[in-house]
Amino acid sequence: MQVHLSMLDAADPRKPSVIPLVLTVTASQHPAVQGDFRDFGHTVRPGTGAASA
């Protein structure tokens, strides 16, 4: 399963970025983790450039 997020560079909106999120599991594992992967995808946000704790 793959999700591609498109984000613009705050300093230069002409520089879009595409961030691939990839879930690699076996076919039998997929139903058990699909919802968690979707939830994870909803939490991805642009950073500030500072390291997070």
PDB file of N, CA and C in Angstrom:
ATOM      1  N   MET A   1       0.849  -1.153   0.000  1.00  0.00           N
ATOM      2  CA  MET A   1       0.000   0.000   0.000  1.00  0.00           C
ATOM      3  C   MET A   1       0.899   1.221   0.000  1.00  0.00           C
ATOM      4  N   GLN A   2       0.563   2.205  -0.835  1.00  0.00           N
ATOM      5  CA  GLN A   2       1.339   3.430  -0.926  1.00  0.00           C
ATOM      6  C   GLN A   2       0.424   4.640  -0.848  1.00  0.00           C
ATOM      7  N   VAL A   3       0.956   5.686  -0.233  1.00  0.00           N
ATOM      8  CA  VAL A   3       0.285   6.988  -0.206  1.00  0.00           C
ATOM      9  C   VAL A   3       1.335   8.004  -0.613  1.00  0.00           C
ATOM     10  N   HIS A   4       0.973   8.932  -1.473  1.00  0.00           N
ATOM     11  CA  HIS A   4       1.888   9.993  -1.871  1.00  0.00           C
ATOM     12  C   HIS A   4       1.318  11.325  -1.399  1.00  0.00           C
ATOM     13  N   LEU A   5       2.092  12.016  -0.532  1.00  0.00           N
ATOM     14  CA  LEU A   5       1.674  13.315  -0.026  1.00  0.00           C
ATOM     15  C   LEU A   5       2.405  14.396  -0.802  1.00  0.00           C
ATOM     16  N   SER A   6       1.678  15.400  -1.224  1.00  0.00           N
ATOM     17  CA  SER A   6       2.278  16.521  -1.926  1.00  0.00           C
ATOM     18  C   SER A   6       2.248  17.737  -1.008  1.00  0.00           C
ATOM     19  N   MET A   7       3.412  18.357  -0.820  1.00  0.00           N
ATOM     20  CA  MET A   7       3.530  19.531   0.036  1.00  0.00           C
ATOM     21  C   MET A   7       4.362  20.583  -0.675  1.00  0.00           C
ATOM     22  N   LEU A   8       4.054  21.850  -0.388  1.00  0.00           N
ATOM     23  CA  LEU A   8       4.817  22.947  -0.954  1.00  0.00           C
ATOM     24  C   LEU A   8       5.884  23.404   0.026  1.00  0.00           C
ATOM     25  N   ASP A   9       7.002  23.865  -0.499  1.00  0.00           N
ATOM     26  CA  ASP A   9       8.069  24.441   0.304  1.00  0.00           C
ATOM     27  C   ASP A   9       7.596  25.802   0.796  1.00  0.00           C
ATOM     28  N   ALA A  10       7.594  26.016   2.111  1.00  0.00           N
ATOM     29  CA  ALA A  10       7.112  27.277   2.671  1.00  0.00           C
ATOM     30  C   ALA A  10       7.949  28.456   2.196  1.00  0.00           C
ATOM     31  N   ALA A  11       9.240  28.249   1.995  1.00  0.00           N
ATOM     32  CA  ALA A  11      10.114  29.329   1.544  1.00  0.00           C
ATOM     33  C   ALA A  11       9.969  29.596   0.051  1.00  0.00           C
ATOM     34  N   ASP A  12       9.636  28.594  -0.720  1.00  0.00           N
ATOM     35  CA  ASP A  12       9.495  28.749  -2.172  1.00  0.00           C
ATOM     36  C   ASP A  12       8.400  27.810  -2.669  1.00  0.00           C
ATOM     37  N   PRO A  13       7.153  28.304  -2.737  1.00  0.00           N
ATOM     38  CA  PRO A  13       6.022  27.452  -3.145  1.00  0.00           C
ATOM     39  C   PRO A  13       6.143  26.858  -4.552  1.00  0.00           C
ATOM     40  N   ARG A  14       7.128  27.316  -5.323  1.00  0.00           N
ATOM     41  CA  ARG A  14       7.339  26.722  -6.650  1.00  0.00           C
ATOM     42  C   ARG A  14       8.055  25.380  -6.557  1.00  0.00           C
ATOM     43  N   LYS A  15       8.482  25.002  -5.340  1.00  0.00           N
ATOM     44  CA  LYS A  15       9.215  23.755  -5.129  1.00  0.00           C
ATOM     45  C   LYS A  15       8.333  22.754  -4.377  1.00  0.00           C
ATOM     46  N   PRO A  16       7.481  22.063  -5.084  1.00  0.00           N
ATOM     47  CA  PRO A  16       6.670  21.053  -4.389  1.00  0.00           C
ATOM     48  C   PRO A  16       7.506  19.823  -4.057  1.00  0.00           C
ATOM     49  N   SER A  17       7.085  19.155  -3.014  1.00  0.00           N
ATOM     50  CA  SER A  17       7.717  17.896  -2.622  1.00  0.00           C
ATOM     51  C   SER A  17       6.656  16.809  -2.610  1.00  0.00           C
ATOM     52  N   VAL A  18       7.046  15.624  -3.008  1.00  0.00           N
ATOM     53  CA  VAL A  18       6.163  14.468  -2.923  1.00  0.00           C
ATOM     54  C   VAL A  18       6.804  13.489  -1.953  1.00  0.00           C
ATOM     55  N   ILE A  19       6.053  13.164  -0.905  1.00  0.00           N
ATOM     56  CA  ILE A  19       6.558  12.278   0.134  1.00  0.00           C
ATOM     57  C   ILE A  19       5.828  10.948   0.034  1.00  0.00           C
ATOM     58  N   PRO A  20       6.534   9.879  -0.330  1.00  0.00           N
ATOM     59  CA  PRO A  20       5.885   8.570  -0.393  1.00  0.00           C
ATOM     60  C   PRO A  20       5.876   7.899   0.983  1.00  0.00           C
ATOM     61  N   LEU A  21       4.737   7.404   1.365  1.00  0.00           N
ATOM     62  CA  LEU A  21       4.615   6.573   2.560  1.00  0.00           C
ATOM     63  C   LEU A  21       4.265   5.179   2.058  1.00  0.00           C
ATOM     64  N   VAL A  22       5.058   4.206   2.433  1.00  0.00           N
ATOM     65  CA  VAL A  22       4.891   2.858   1.896  1.00  0.00           C
ATOM     66  C   VAL A  22       4.741   1.861   3.040  1.00  0.00           C
ATOM     67  N   LEU A  23       3.718   1.051   2.949  1.00  0.00           N
ATOM     68  CA  LEU A  23       3.493  -0.038   3.899  1.00  0.00           C
ATOM     69  C   LEU A  23       3.849  -1.337   3.190  1.00  0.00           C
ATOM     70  N   THR A  24       4.786  -2.065   3.748  1.00  0.00           N
ATOM     71  CA  THR A  24       5.197  -3.337   3.167  1.00  0.00           C
ATOM     72  C   THR A  24       4.855  -4.455   4.145  1.00  0.00           C
ATOM     73  N   VAL A  25       3.875  -5.247   3.777  1.00  0.00           N
ATOM     74  CA  VAL A  25       3.434  -6.381   4.599  1.00  0.00           C
ATOM     75  C   VAL A  25       3.033  -7.518   3.673  1.00  0.00           C
ATOM     76  N   THR A  26       2.852  -8.679   4.257  1.00  0.00           N
ATOM     77  CA  THR A  26       2.339  -9.798   3.464  1.00  0.00           C
ATOM     78  C   THR A  26       0.836  -9.605   3.256  1.00  0.00           C
ATOM     79  N   ALA A  27       0.279 -10.324   2.325  1.00  0.00           N
ATOM     80  CA  ALA A  27      -1.155 -10.229   2.043  1.00  0.00           C
ATOM     81  C   ALA A  27      -1.983 -10.598   3.276  1.00  0.00           C
ATOM     82  N   SER A  28      -1.513 -11.542   4.044  1.00  0.00           N
ATOM     83  CA  SER A  28      -2.275 -11.960   5.221  1.00  0.00           C
ATOM     84  C   SER A  28      -2.203 -10.924   6.351  1.00  0.00           C
ATOM     85  N   GLN A  29      -1.142 -10.125   6.388  1.00  0.00           N
ATOM     86  CA  GLN A  29      -1.000  -9.091   7.413  1.00  0.00           C
ATOM     87  C   GLN A  29      -1.786  -7.823   7.075  1.00  0.00           C
ATOM     88  N   HIS A  30      -2.037  -7.600   5.809  1.00  0.00           N
ATOM     89  CA  HIS A  30      -2.638  -6.352   5.344  1.00  0.00           C
ATOM     90  C   HIS A  30      -3.927  -5.967   6.071  1.00  0.00           C
ATOM     91  N   PRO A  31      -4.908  -6.833   6.210  1.00  0.00           N
ATOM     92  CA  PRO A  31      -6.147  -6.431   6.887  1.00  0.00           C
ATOM     93  C   PRO A  31      -5.925  -5.966   8.334  1.00  0.00           C
ATOM     94  N   ALA A  32      -4.941  -6.562   9.006  1.00  0.00           N
ATOM     95  CA  ALA A  32      -4.706  -6.229  10.417  1.00  0.00           C
ATOM     96  C   ALA A  32      -4.039  -4.872  10.605  1.00  0.00           C
ATOM     97  N   VAL A  33      -3.280  -4.403   9.620  1.00  0.00           N
ATOM     98  CA  VAL A  33      -2.527  -3.155   9.795  1.00  0.00           C
ATOM     99  C   VAL A  33      -3.007  -2.007   8.900  1.00  0.00           C
ATOM    100  N   GLN A  34      -3.930  -2.268   8.009  1.00  0.00           N
ATOM    101  CA  GLN A  34      -4.388  -1.250   7.071  1.00  0.00           C
ATOM    102  C   GLN A  34      -4.915  -0.011   7.794  1.00  0.00           C
ATOM    103  N   GLY A  35      -5.732  -0.196   8.818  1.00  0.00           N
ATOM    104  CA  GLY A  35      -6.290   0.941   9.551  1.00  0.00           C
ATOM    105  C   GLY A  35      -5.224   1.747  10.274  1.00  0.00           C
ATOM    106  N   ASP A  36      -4.245   1.048  10.866  1.00  0.00           N
ATOM    107  CA  ASP A  36      -3.152   1.750  11.550  1.00  0.00           C
ATOM    108  C   ASP A  36      -2.332   2.575  10.568  1.00  0.00           C
ATOM    109  N   PHE A  37      -2.090   2.041   9.379  1.00  0.00           N
ATOM    110  CA  PHE A  37      -1.332   2.775   8.369  1.00  0.00           C
ATOM    111  C   PHE A  37      -2.105   4.005   7.921  1.00  0.00           C
ATOM    112  N   ARG A  38      -3.391   3.880   7.733  1.00  0.00           N
ATOM    113  CA  ARG A  38      -4.233   5.017   7.357  1.00  0.00           C
ATOM    114  C   ARG A  38      -4.187   6.086   8.467  1.00  0.00           C
ATOM    115  N   ASP A  39      -4.303   5.653   9.716  1.00  0.00           N
ATOM    116  CA  ASP A  39      -4.234   6.593  10.839  1.00  0.00           C
ATOM    117  C   ASP A  39      -2.878   7.305  10.881  1.00  0.00           C
ATOM    118  N   PHE A  40      -1.811   6.548  10.644  1.00  0.00           N
ATOM    119  CA  PHE A  40      -0.474   7.131  10.602  1.00  0.00           C
ATOM    120  C   PHE A  40      -0.388   8.192   9.506  1.00  0.00           C
ATOM    121  N   GLY A  41      -0.897   7.893   8.336  1.00  0.00           N
ATOM    122  CA  GLY A  41      -0.863   8.842   7.223  1.00  0.00           C
ATOM    123  C   GLY A  41      -1.538  10.161   7.559  1.00  0.00           C
ATOM    124  N   HIS A  42      -2.579  10.103   8.361  1.00  0.00           N
ATOM    125  CA  HIS A  42      -3.296  11.322   8.761  1.00  0.00           C
ATOM    126  C   HIS A  42      -2.498  12.169   9.747  1.00  0.00           C
ATOM    127  N   THR A  43      -1.456  11.607  10.351  1.00  0.00           N
ATOM    128  CA  THR A  43      -0.678  12.368  11.335  1.00  0.00           C
ATOM    129  C   THR A  43       0.536  13.061  10.734  1.00  0.00           C
ATOM    130  N   VAL A  44       0.888  12.766   9.492  1.00  0.00           N
ATOM    131  CA  VAL A  44       2.088  13.337   8.879  1.00  0.00           C
ATOM    132  C   VAL A  44       1.844  14.809   8.575  1.00  0.00           C
ATOM    133  N   ARG A  45       2.724  15.646   9.111  1.00  0.00           N
ATOM    134  CA  ARG A  45       2.635  17.105   8.951  1.00  0.00           C
ATOM    135  C   ARG A  45       4.010  17.650   8.605  1.00  0.00           C
ATOM    136  N   PRO A  46       4.053  18.798   7.957  1.00  0.00           N
ATOM    137  CA  PRO A  46       5.355  19.419   7.697  1.00  0.00           C
ATOM    138  C   PRO A  46       6.028  19.792   9.017  1.00  0.00           C
ATOM    139  N   GLY A  47       7.329  19.690   9.049  1.00  0.00           N
ATOM    140  CA  GLY A  47       8.080  20.042  10.253  1.00  0.00           C
ATOM    141  C   GLY A  47       8.541  21.489  10.209  1.00  0.00           C
ATOM    142  N   THR A  48       9.168  21.886  11.278  1.00  0.00           N
ATOM    143  CA  THR A  48       9.704  23.249  11.390  1.00  0.00           C
ATOM    144  C   THR A  48      11.169  23.292  11.050  1.00  0.00           C
ATOM    145  N   GLY A  49      11.774  22.122  10.862  1.00  0.00           N
ATOM    146  CA  GLY A  49      13.199  22.056  10.617  1.00  0.00           C
ATOM    147  C   GLY A  49      13.989  21.784  11.885  1.00  0.00           C
ATOM    148  N   ALA A  50      13.320  21.941  13.028  1.00  0.00           N
ATOM    149  CA  ALA A  50      13.958  21.659  14.314  1.00  0.00           C
ATOM    150  C   ALA A  50      13.723  20.194  14.669  1.00  0.00           C
ATOM    151  N   ALA A  51      14.672  19.610  15.352  1.00  0.00           N
ATOM    152  CA  ALA A  51      14.520  18.222  15.790  1.00  0.00           C
ATOM    153  C   ALA A  51      13.397  18.132  16.812  1.00  0.00           C
ATOM    154  N   SER A  52      12.604  17.101  16.707  1.00  0.00           N
ATOM    155  CA  SER A  52      11.517  16.920  17.672  1.00  0.00           C
ATOM    156  C   SER A  52      11.983  15.963  18.762  1.00  0.00           C
ATOM    157  N   ALA A  53      11.433  16.151  19.933  1.00  0.00           N
ATOM    158  CA  ALA A  53      11.827  15.310  21.067  1.00  0.00           C
ATOM    159  C   ALA A  53      10.992  14.065  21.134  1.00  0.00           C
TER     160      ALA A  53
END
